[in-house]
Amino acid sequence: MAELKYEIKETIGVLSENAKGWTKELNLISWNEREPKYDIREWNPDHSRMGKGITFTAEEIENLKKLLNGEDIEDDIDEEKIL
């Protein structure tokens, strides 16, 4: 399996911490020397191990922010098919 390279470019904030000291964080991370993306995942205290997470482009994080703030956003999703 290929080595996964990452560099935390900016720590934006900690969302929570569990009893073992792992923190769920929002960071800006460069994966495999690519353009940094926003990333939410759990990290051990020294950031040498991580849990599964999800990454967002700048556009996706802006849309997420709007959704969380209750703003309508334009999209190509037919919401009636989801419901």
Protein backbone atom coordinates (compact mmCIF):
# COMPACT_ATOMS: atom_id res chain seq x y z
CA MET A 1 0.00 0.00 0.00
CA ALA A 2 1.33 3.45 -0.93
CA GLU A 3 2.35 5.84 1.81
CA LEU A 4 -0.18 8.55 2.56
CA LYS A 5 1.43 11.98 2.81
CA TYR A 6 -0.34 14.84 4.52
CA GLU A 7 0.47 18.26 5.85
CA ILE A 8 -1.87 20.21 8.10
CA LYS A 9 -1.69 23.70 6.61
CA GLU A 10 -4.09 25.32 9.08
CA THR A 11 -5.90 24.14 12.19
CA ILE A 12 -9.30 25.81 12.12
CA GLY A 13 -10.80 24.31 15.25
CA VAL A 14 -11.59 21.37 17.50
CA LEU A 15 -15.17 20.11 17.40
CA SER A 16 -14.92 17.60 20.26
CA GLU A 17 -12.57 15.42 22.30
CA ASN A 18 -13.15 11.85 23.43
CA ALA A 19 -12.07 10.12 26.65
CA LYS A 20 -8.86 8.80 25.04
CA GLY A 21 -7.73 12.30 24.05
CA TRP A 22 -8.53 12.02 20.33
CA THR A 23 -9.98 15.23 18.89
CA LYS A 24 -12.40 15.70 16.02
CA GLU A 25 -11.01 18.66 14.09
CA LEU A 26 -11.65 20.91 11.13
CA ASN A 27 -8.34 21.52 9.37
CA LEU A 28 -7.01 22.64 6.01
CA ILE A 29 -4.87 19.71 4.82
CA SER A 30 -2.73 19.00 1.77
CA TRP A 31 -3.04 15.30 0.90
CA ASN A 32 -0.20 13.79 -1.16
CA GLU A 33 1.19 17.25 -1.94
CA ARG A 34 -2.04 18.35 -3.65
CA GLU A 35 -4.06 21.53 -3.22
CA PRO A 36 -5.24 21.78 0.41
CA LYS A 37 -8.82 20.82 1.23
CA TYR A 38 -10.97 21.32 4.30
CA ASP A 39 -11.04 18.15 6.33
CA ILE A 40 -13.05 16.83 9.29
CA ARG A 41 -11.69 13.75 11.10
CA GLU A 42 -10.45 12.45 14.44
CA TRP A 43 -6.77 12.72 15.37
CA ASN A 44 -4.70 11.29 18.18
CA PRO A 45 -2.98 13.87 20.42
CA ASP A 46 0.26 14.11 18.36
CA HIS A 47 -1.48 13.88 14.95
CA SER A 48 0.46 10.74 14.00
CA ARG A 49 -2.75 8.66 13.67
CA MET A 50 -6.13 9.55 12.26
CA GLY A 51 -9.61 8.17 11.87
CA LYS A 52 -11.76 8.16 8.77
CA GLY A 53 -12.87 11.58 7.67
CA ILE A 54 -14.36 13.68 4.95
CA THR A 55 -12.80 16.39 2.81
CA PHE A 56 -14.39 19.45 1.23
CA THR A 57 -13.33 21.84 -1.49
CA ALA A 58 -13.59 25.56 -0.72
CA GLU A 59 -16.87 25.68 -2.66
CA GLU A 60 -18.29 22.70 -0.75
CA ILE A 61 -17.35 24.17 2.64
CA GLU A 62 -19.00 27.46 1.65
CA ASN A 63 -22.17 25.57 0.69
CA LEU A 64 -22.05 23.64 3.97
CA LYS A 65 -21.70 26.90 5.87
CA LYS A 66 -24.75 28.31 4.07
CA LEU A 67 -26.77 25.17 4.80
CA LEU A 68 -25.87 25.29 8.48
CA ASN A 69 -26.83 28.97 8.60
CA GLY A 70 -30.23 28.12 7.10
CA GLU A 71 -29.61 29.85 3.79
CA ASP A 72 -30.99 28.50 0.53
CA ILE A 73 -28.38 27.50 -2.01
CA GLU A 74 -28.80 26.64 -5.66
CA ASP A 75 -27.99 23.06 -6.56
CA ASP A 76 -28.67 20.41 -9.15
CA ILE A 77 -30.26 17.99 -6.66
CA ASP A 78 -33.96 17.14 -6.98
CA GLU A 79 -34.91 17.17 -3.29
CA GLU A 80 -38.24 15.43 -3.96
CA LYS A 81 -36.33 12.33 -5.13
CA ILE A 82 -34.43 12.28 -1.82
CA LEU A 83 -37.51 12.64 0.36
